[in-house]
Amino acid sequence: MSAPFDPTRRRFISSAAVALAAGPMVLSGVALAQTSPARAAIKAGANTAFAALKQINAGVLDVGYAEAGPADGPVVILLHGWPYDIHSFLDVAPALAQAGYRVIVPHLRGYGTTRFLAGETIRNGEPAALAADIVALMDALAIRQATLAGYDWGARTANIVAALWPERVKAMVSVSGYLISSQEAGTMPLPPSAELQWWYQYYFATERGREGYAKNRHDFAKLIWKLASPKWDFDDATFDRSAASLDNPDHVDITIHNYRWRLALAEGEAKYAEFEKRLAAAPVITVPTITMEGDANGAPHPPPAAYAKKFSGKYEHRTVDGGIGHNLPQEAPDAFVQAILDVAKA
C-alpha cells in the first residue's frame, strides 16, 4: 500500500512520519518532538555548486569544507559517504542555512581538497580515525556541540562520534541506522546473498583490486552509484561534480585501507585501539536520533528492526518512499532536511 502523501511537503512519507505529524511518537520507550511547521519543499538538483571552499588545519589534516548560514547559528555538520562527496548536500545546506543553522560540510580524509599535513602520516581509513577527524574539526572551528547528519561512511562516522563523544553531539540523523561494527564482526561469514552485496570489499582485498580501483576509480564509482540507487536517474554533470573529489592523492589508499581493515586484513593505528575496543562492544547511542532509509536502497544495509534498540534517547525511524536509493540526502533532500529540523528540536 502506498504511504499517505503530504501536500505541504510534496513527497511520500512513511507511516512513522505520519504518526509523528499527528503527535508525539513513542518508539523504543521514548517520545520524539512533534514535526516542524510546514515549509516550502526542496527540489532535488536545484543547486549545482557551493560557494568557495574553506580550508582549516584540524588534527592530522588540512580539511576542505563548505560553510553556509549564520556564524552564530546552531551547528549542523553534514557527512558524506563513499564513493560520493560533499555535493550530496548541495540542496540540503542552503535549506538549513535559510532555517538559521550554521552548516559545515567537510570532505572526509581522502576526498576533495582535504589533505594530510605530513607526508609520513599513515593513510588510515579505519572508522575511529574518521570520527576523530570530525572532533578535531569541531575543535579547530571552536564548535562545542553540533547536530551530525550523514549516510554511508558519513553515517558511521556520526554514529561513532555520538557513541564516543556524546557531549559533542546535540542530535543525529543517520541513514541506514546503526553502523558501528568491529574487525571481529567483519570476519564473520554472512549468508551467500549478503556476501554477494559486498563484492567490492573482497575485490579491494586483493592487489588487483587496488590497481583496478586506482586505474578506473571514476567508472567504478559510477557503477556503485547505479547499483546503490537503481532508480536514481542522475546525469553526467551530477556524477562528475562528485567524481572529481576522488582524484584526491590519498583517496585510493584510504578506500583500500578502510575495506581491508573491516576484514581484519589491515591493521589500524595504536592511538585508536582503545576507541576500537569500545566500539567493538556495540555501544548504545544516547543522543536524540532519527534514522532513515530509502525504499530503493541497493547497497548493503540492515533492516530498521535490527538496530532500533541501539538508540536509547529520543528516537524515530523514517522510510522515504518514491524510489530513493543509498544517497538519500541528494535524492531526497526535502526529507533529509526535515529530519534534521525535527531532531535538532527534540
Protein backbone atom coordinates (compact mmCIF):
# COMPACT_ATOMS: atom_id res chain seq x y z
CA MET A 1 0.00 0.00 0.00
CA SER A 2 1.29 3.45 -0.87
CA ALA A 3 2.15 5.72 2.03
CA PRO A 4 -0.01 8.84 2.51
CA PHE A 5 1.06 11.95 0.62
CA ASP A 6 1.59 15.21 2.45
CA PRO A 7 0.91 18.10 0.02
CA THR A 8 2.73 20.63 2.19
CA ARG A 9 5.95 18.65 1.82
CA ARG A 10 5.33 17.27 -1.68
CA ARG A 11 6.69 13.81 -1.08
CA PHE A 12 5.54 10.43 0.04
CA ILE A 13 6.32 9.83 3.67
CA SER A 14 6.40 6.71 5.75
CA SER A 15 3.77 5.67 8.22
CA ALA A 16 6.20 6.52 11.01
CA ALA A 17 6.45 10.11 9.79
CA VAL A 18 2.67 10.33 9.51
CA ALA A 19 2.33 9.23 13.12
CA LEU A 20 4.88 11.83 14.14
CA ALA A 21 2.98 14.60 12.36
CA ALA A 22 -0.16 13.62 14.20
CA GLY A 23 1.50 13.94 17.57
CA PRO A 24 4.48 12.79 19.63
CA MET A 25 5.55 9.30 18.61
CA VAL A 26 6.81 6.73 21.05
CA LEU A 27 9.38 4.22 19.86
CA SER A 28 11.79 2.21 21.97
CA GLY A 29 10.12 3.71 25.00
CA VAL A 30 10.87 7.37 24.18
CA ALA A 31 9.00 10.24 22.55
CA LEU A 32 10.27 12.48 19.78
CA ALA A 33 9.19 16.07 19.42
CA GLN A 34 6.39 16.93 17.01
CA THR A 35 7.27 17.66 13.38
CA SER A 36 8.32 21.19 12.43
CA PRO A 37 5.77 23.52 10.77
CA ALA A 38 5.16 23.20 7.04
CA ARG A 39 7.72 24.86 4.78
CA ALA A 40 8.49 25.14 1.08
CA ALA A 41 9.57 21.83 -0.42
CA ILE A 42 13.12 21.43 -1.71
CA LYS A 43 13.63 20.42 -5.32
CA ALA A 44 16.40 17.87 -5.76
CA GLY A 45 19.08 19.13 -8.13
CA ALA A 46 18.17 22.78 -7.79
CA ASN A 47 21.72 23.76 -6.81
CA THR A 48 24.90 22.95 -8.71
CA ALA A 49 27.74 24.47 -6.67
CA PHE A 50 28.86 25.57 -3.24
CA ALA A 51 30.47 28.91 -2.60
CA ALA A 52 34.28 28.84 -2.48
CA LEU A 53 35.53 26.11 -0.15
CA LYS A 54 37.42 26.92 3.02
CA GLN A 55 40.46 25.14 4.46
CA ILE A 56 41.50 24.67 8.08
CA ASN A 57 44.15 22.65 9.87
CA ALA A 58 42.46 20.12 12.14
CA GLY A 59 44.31 17.21 13.74
CA VAL A 60 46.43 15.49 11.08
CA LEU A 61 44.53 17.11 8.21
CA ASP A 62 44.12 20.30 6.25
CA VAL A 63 40.34 19.95 5.88
CA GLY A 64 38.44 21.35 2.93
CA TYR A 65 34.86 22.25 3.73
CA ALA A 66 31.86 24.24 2.58
CA GLU A 67 30.07 26.54 5.01
CA ALA A 68 26.68 28.21 4.88
CA GLY A 69 24.37 30.05 7.25
CA PRO A 70 24.87 32.48 10.12
CA ALA A 71 28.15 32.18 12.03
CA ASP A 72 26.30 32.28 15.35
CA GLY A 73 23.61 29.75 14.41
CA PRO A 74 23.30 26.26 15.90
CA VAL A 75 25.69 23.98 14.02
CA VAL A 76 24.88 21.10 11.69
CA ILE A 77 27.73 19.02 10.26
CA LEU A 78 26.89 17.02 7.13
CA LEU A 79 28.97 13.92 6.43
CA HIS A 80 29.19 12.22 3.05
CA GLY A 81 29.82 8.62 2.07
CA TRP A 82 31.87 6.55 -0.40
CA PRO A 83 32.23 7.00 -3.33
CA TYR A 84 30.48 10.36 -3.12
CA ASP A 85 31.45 13.74 -1.69
CA ILE A 86 30.11 17.00 -0.27
CA HIS A 87 27.94 17.61 -3.36
CA SER A 88 25.46 15.15 -1.87
CA PHE A 89 24.37 18.11 0.28
CA LEU A 90 24.08 20.81 -2.40
CA ASP A 91 20.34 21.17 -1.82
CA VAL A 92 20.42 20.37 1.90
CA ALA A 93 22.92 23.01 3.05
CA PRO A 94 21.14 26.14 1.75
CA ALA A 95 17.80 25.00 3.16
CA LEU A 96 19.33 24.53 6.60
CA ALA A 97 21.14 27.85 6.33
CA GLN A 98 17.86 29.56 5.49
CA ALA A 99 16.40 27.98 8.63
CA GLY A 100 19.11 29.69 10.69
CA TYR A 101 21.68 26.92 11.03
CA ARG A 102 25.42 27.22 10.58
CA VAL A 103 26.16 24.36 8.19
CA ILE A 104 29.58 22.72 7.86
CA VAL A 105 30.15 20.21 5.04
CA PRO A 106 33.66 18.70 5.18
CA HIS A 107 35.44 16.48 2.71
CA LEU A 108 36.42 13.35 4.63
CA ARG A 109 40.06 12.27 4.58
CA GLY A 110 40.93 11.10 1.08
CA TYR A 111 38.35 13.27 -0.69
CA GLY A 112 38.28 16.61 -2.44
CA THR A 113 40.56 19.32 -1.08
CA THR A 114 41.25 17.61 2.25
CA ARG A 115 44.95 16.74 2.59
CA PHE A 116 47.24 15.23 5.20
CA LEU A 117 49.55 17.78 6.79
CA ALA A 118 52.53 15.40 6.80
CA GLY A 119 53.67 13.02 4.11
CA GLU A 120 54.66 10.37 6.64
CA THR A 121 51.21 10.18 8.28
CA ILE A 122 49.65 6.75 7.84
CA ARG A 123 46.85 6.84 5.29
CA ASN A 124 44.47 5.22 7.70
CA GLY A 125 40.85 4.61 6.76
CA GLU A 126 39.68 2.88 9.95
CA PRO A 127 36.34 4.17 11.24
CA ALA A 128 37.67 5.60 14.51
CA ALA A 129 40.18 7.74 12.61
CA LEU A 130 37.46 9.34 10.50
CA ALA A 131 35.42 10.06 13.63
CA ALA A 132 38.43 11.60 15.38
CA ASP A 133 38.85 13.86 12.33
CA ILE A 134 35.39 15.33 12.90
CA VAL A 135 36.07 16.02 16.57
CA ALA A 136 39.36 17.67 15.57
CA LEU A 137 37.48 19.77 13.00
CA MET A 138 34.97 20.85 15.63
CA ASP A 139 37.83 21.84 17.92
CA ALA A 140 39.55 23.79 15.15
CA LEU A 141 36.32 25.67 14.37
CA ALA A 142 35.58 26.23 18.10
CA ILE A 143 32.33 24.25 17.82
CA ARG A 144 31.38 22.82 21.19
CA GLN A 145 28.39 20.83 20.02
CA ALA A 146 26.67 20.08 16.72
CA THR A 147 23.91 18.06 15.13
CA LEU A 148 25.51 15.42 12.91
CA ALA A 149 23.82 14.04 9.81
CA GLY A 150 25.16 11.65 7.20
CA TYR A 151 24.92 8.49 5.15
CA ASP A 152 27.26 5.57 4.37
CA TRP A 153 30.75 6.38 5.73
CA GLY A 154 29.32 9.64 7.00
CA ALA A 155 26.58 7.94 8.99
CA ARG A 156 29.10 5.53 10.51
CA THR A 157 31.31 8.46 11.42
CA ALA A 158 28.39 10.29 13.04
CA ASN A 159 27.46 7.13 14.96
CA ILE A 160 30.97 6.78 16.33
CA VAL A 161 31.25 10.41 17.39
CA ALA A 162 27.88 10.12 19.13
CA ALA A 163 28.96 6.92 20.88
CA LEU A 164 32.43 8.04 21.98
CA TRP A 165 31.87 11.79 22.45
CA PRO A 166 28.12 12.18 23.17
CA GLU A 167 28.69 15.56 24.80
CA ARG A 168 29.73 16.91 21.39
CA VAL A 169 26.56 15.76 19.61
CA LYS A 170 23.25 17.57 20.13
CA ALA A 171 21.34 15.18 17.88
CA MET A 172 21.87 12.92 14.87
CA VAL A 173 20.33 11.86 11.57
CA SER A 174 21.73 8.55 10.38
CA VAL A 175 20.84 6.99 7.04
CA SER A 176 20.78 3.17 7.28
CA GLY A 177 20.72 3.35 11.05
CA TYR A 178 23.35 1.99 13.42
CA LEU A 179 26.57 1.28 11.54
CA ILE A 180 29.14 0.75 14.29
CA SER A 181 30.97 -2.54 13.86
CA SER A 182 34.33 -4.18 14.55
CA GLN A 183 37.03 -6.22 12.89
CA GLU A 184 35.83 -9.32 14.71
CA ALA A 185 32.31 -8.84 13.37
CA GLY A 186 33.75 -8.24 9.91
CA THR A 187 35.38 -11.65 9.86
CA MET A 188 32.11 -13.50 10.49
CA PRO A 189 30.68 -15.13 7.34
CA LEU A 190 27.29 -13.98 6.08
CA PRO A 191 24.66 -15.81 4.02
CA PRO A 192 25.70 -16.05 0.35
CA SER A 193 23.19 -13.45 -0.82
CA ALA A 194 24.57 -10.95 1.70
CA GLU A 195 28.18 -11.76 0.82
CA LEU A 196 27.36 -11.05 -2.83
CA GLN A 197 26.40 -7.47 -1.95
CA TRP A 198 29.89 -6.89 -0.58
CA TRP A 199 31.68 -7.97 -3.78
CA TYR A 200 33.72 -4.77 -3.95
CA GLN A 201 35.04 -5.28 -0.41
CA TYR A 202 36.57 -8.58 -1.47
CA TYR A 203 37.86 -7.05 -4.69
CA PHE A 204 39.63 -4.39 -2.65
CA ALA A 205 41.21 -7.11 -0.51
CA THR A 206 43.42 -8.01 -3.48
CA GLU A 207 46.24 -6.08 -5.11
CA ARG A 208 44.40 -6.46 -8.38
CA GLY A 209 41.52 -4.63 -6.73
CA ARG A 210 43.76 -1.80 -5.55
CA GLU A 211 45.26 -1.38 -9.00
CA GLY A 212 41.87 -1.68 -10.67
CA TYR A 213 40.32 0.98 -8.44
CA ALA A 214 43.28 3.31 -8.91
CA LYS A 215 43.05 2.94 -12.68
CA ASN A 216 39.25 3.04 -13.03
CA ARG A 217 38.01 4.91 -9.98
CA HIS A 218 35.52 7.11 -11.88
CA ASP A 219 33.96 4.20 -13.76
CA PHE A 220 33.97 2.18 -10.55
CA ALA A 221 32.22 4.95 -8.64
CA LYS A 222 29.58 5.36 -11.33
CA LEU A 223 28.85 1.62 -11.16
CA ILE A 224 28.46 1.82 -7.38
CA TRP A 225 26.11 4.80 -7.74
CA LYS A 226 23.92 2.86 -10.15
CA LEU A 227 23.86 -0.30 -8.04
CA ALA A 228 23.24 1.58 -4.79
CA SER A 229 20.50 3.81 -6.24
CA PRO A 230 18.95 1.79 -9.10
CA LYS A 231 16.02 4.20 -9.55
CA TRP A 232 18.00 7.44 -9.38
CA ASP A 233 18.38 8.85 -12.89
CA PHE A 234 21.38 11.10 -12.22
CA ASP A 235 23.03 12.83 -15.17
CA ASP A 236 26.71 13.04 -16.09
CA ALA A 237 27.08 16.55 -14.70
CA THR A 238 25.80 15.45 -11.29
CA PHE A 239 28.17 12.50 -11.19
CA ASP A 240 31.18 14.42 -12.49
CA ARG A 241 30.86 17.09 -9.77
CA SER A 242 31.39 14.44 -7.11
CA ALA A 243 33.77 12.19 -9.06
CA ALA A 244 36.33 14.99 -9.20
CA SER A 245 36.80 14.58 -5.44
CA LEU A 246 38.02 11.02 -5.97
CA ASP A 247 41.14 12.37 -7.67
CA ASN A 248 42.49 13.23 -4.21
CA PRO A 249 46.02 11.74 -3.98
CA ASP A 250 45.11 9.79 -0.82
CA HIS A 251 41.72 8.51 -1.97
CA VAL A 252 42.77 5.05 -3.10
CA ASP A 253 44.89 4.42 -0.01
CA ILE A 254 42.09 5.50 2.34
CA THR A 255 39.45 3.46 0.50
CA ILE A 256 41.53 0.28 0.33
CA HIS A 257 42.61 0.54 3.95
CA ASN A 258 39.04 1.12 5.13
CA TYR A 259 37.68 -2.03 3.49
CA ARG A 260 40.70 -4.18 4.34
CA TRP A 261 40.55 -3.02 7.96
CA ARG A 262 36.94 -4.19 8.17
CA LEU A 263 38.02 -7.72 7.23
CA ALA A 264 41.00 -7.60 9.64
CA LEU A 265 43.34 -7.70 6.63
CA ALA A 266 44.96 -4.40 7.61
CA GLU A 267 45.97 -3.03 10.98
CA GLY A 268 44.84 0.22 12.48
CA GLU A 269 46.88 2.71 14.47
CA ALA A 270 47.65 2.12 18.12
CA LYS A 271 46.29 5.53 19.09
CA TYR A 272 42.81 4.40 18.07
CA ALA A 273 42.98 0.96 19.71
CA GLU A 274 41.07 1.96 22.84
CA PHE A 275 38.37 3.59 20.76
CA GLU A 276 38.01 0.49 18.60
CA LYS A 277 37.81 -1.67 21.72
CA ARG A 278 34.89 0.39 22.99
CA LEU A 279 33.21 0.35 19.59
CA ALA A 280 33.56 -3.43 19.32
CA ALA A 281 31.12 -3.69 22.25
CA ALA A 282 28.47 -2.03 20.03
CA PRO A 283 27.71 0.80 22.48
CA VAL A 284 24.20 2.20 22.72
CA ILE A 285 23.80 5.72 21.36
CA THR A 286 22.09 8.09 23.77
CA VAL A 287 21.65 11.30 21.74
CA PRO A 288 18.30 12.10 20.04
CA THR A 289 18.32 10.32 16.69
CA ILE A 290 16.27 9.89 13.55
CA THR A 291 17.35 7.02 11.33
CA MET A 292 16.33 6.98 7.68
CA GLU A 293 16.19 4.60 4.75
CA GLY A 294 15.29 4.99 1.11
CA ASP A 295 12.78 2.45 -0.16
CA ALA A 296 15.08 1.54 -3.09
CA ASN A 297 18.48 1.38 -1.39
CA GLY A 298 20.53 -1.12 -3.38
CA ALA A 299 23.57 -1.01 -1.09
CA PRO A 300 24.05 -3.41 1.83
CA HIS A 301 22.09 -2.12 4.81
CA PRO A 302 20.49 -3.62 7.93
CA PRO A 303 16.71 -3.62 8.44
CA PRO A 304 15.46 -0.95 10.88
CA ALA A 305 14.25 -3.54 13.38
CA ALA A 306 17.80 -4.83 13.74
CA TYR A 307 19.11 -1.59 15.24
CA ALA A 308 16.18 0.21 16.88
CA LYS A 309 17.30 -0.83 20.36
CA LYS A 310 20.77 0.64 19.81
CA PHE A 311 19.29 4.10 20.39
CA SER A 312 18.26 4.81 23.97
CA GLY A 313 17.44 8.51 23.62
CA LYS A 314 14.58 10.09 21.71
CA TYR A 315 14.36 8.05 18.53
CA GLU A 316 12.38 7.55 15.36
CA HIS A 317 12.88 5.73 12.06
CA ARG A 318 11.65 7.10 8.73
CA THR A 319 11.45 5.26 5.42
CA VAL A 320 11.40 7.59 2.43
CA ASP A 321 9.30 6.32 -0.46
CA GLY A 322 9.49 7.12 -4.16
CA GLY A 323 12.42 5.04 -5.40
CA ILE A 324 15.00 6.64 -3.10
CA GLY A 325 18.36 4.90 -3.02
CA HIS A 326 21.56 4.99 -0.99
CA ASN A 327 22.50 8.65 -1.46
CA LEU A 328 19.39 9.82 0.37
CA PRO A 329 20.43 13.46 1.01
CA GLN A 330 20.93 14.12 -2.69
CA GLU A 331 18.00 12.04 -3.91
CA ALA A 332 15.51 13.21 -1.27
CA PRO A 333 16.89 16.46 0.20
CA ASP A 334 13.49 17.58 1.45
CA ALA A 335 13.07 14.51 3.63
CA PHE A 336 16.64 14.75 4.89
CA VAL A 337 16.32 18.42 5.82
CA GLN A 338 13.03 17.79 7.57
CA ALA A 339 14.60 15.05 9.67
CA ILE A 340 17.41 17.39 10.72
CA LEU A 341 14.99 20.18 11.63
CA ASP A 342 12.87 17.76 13.64
CA VAL A 343 15.64 16.00 15.54
CA ALA A 344 17.55 19.22 16.27
CA LYS A 345 14.48 20.47 18.17
CA ALA A 346 13.88 17.21 20.01
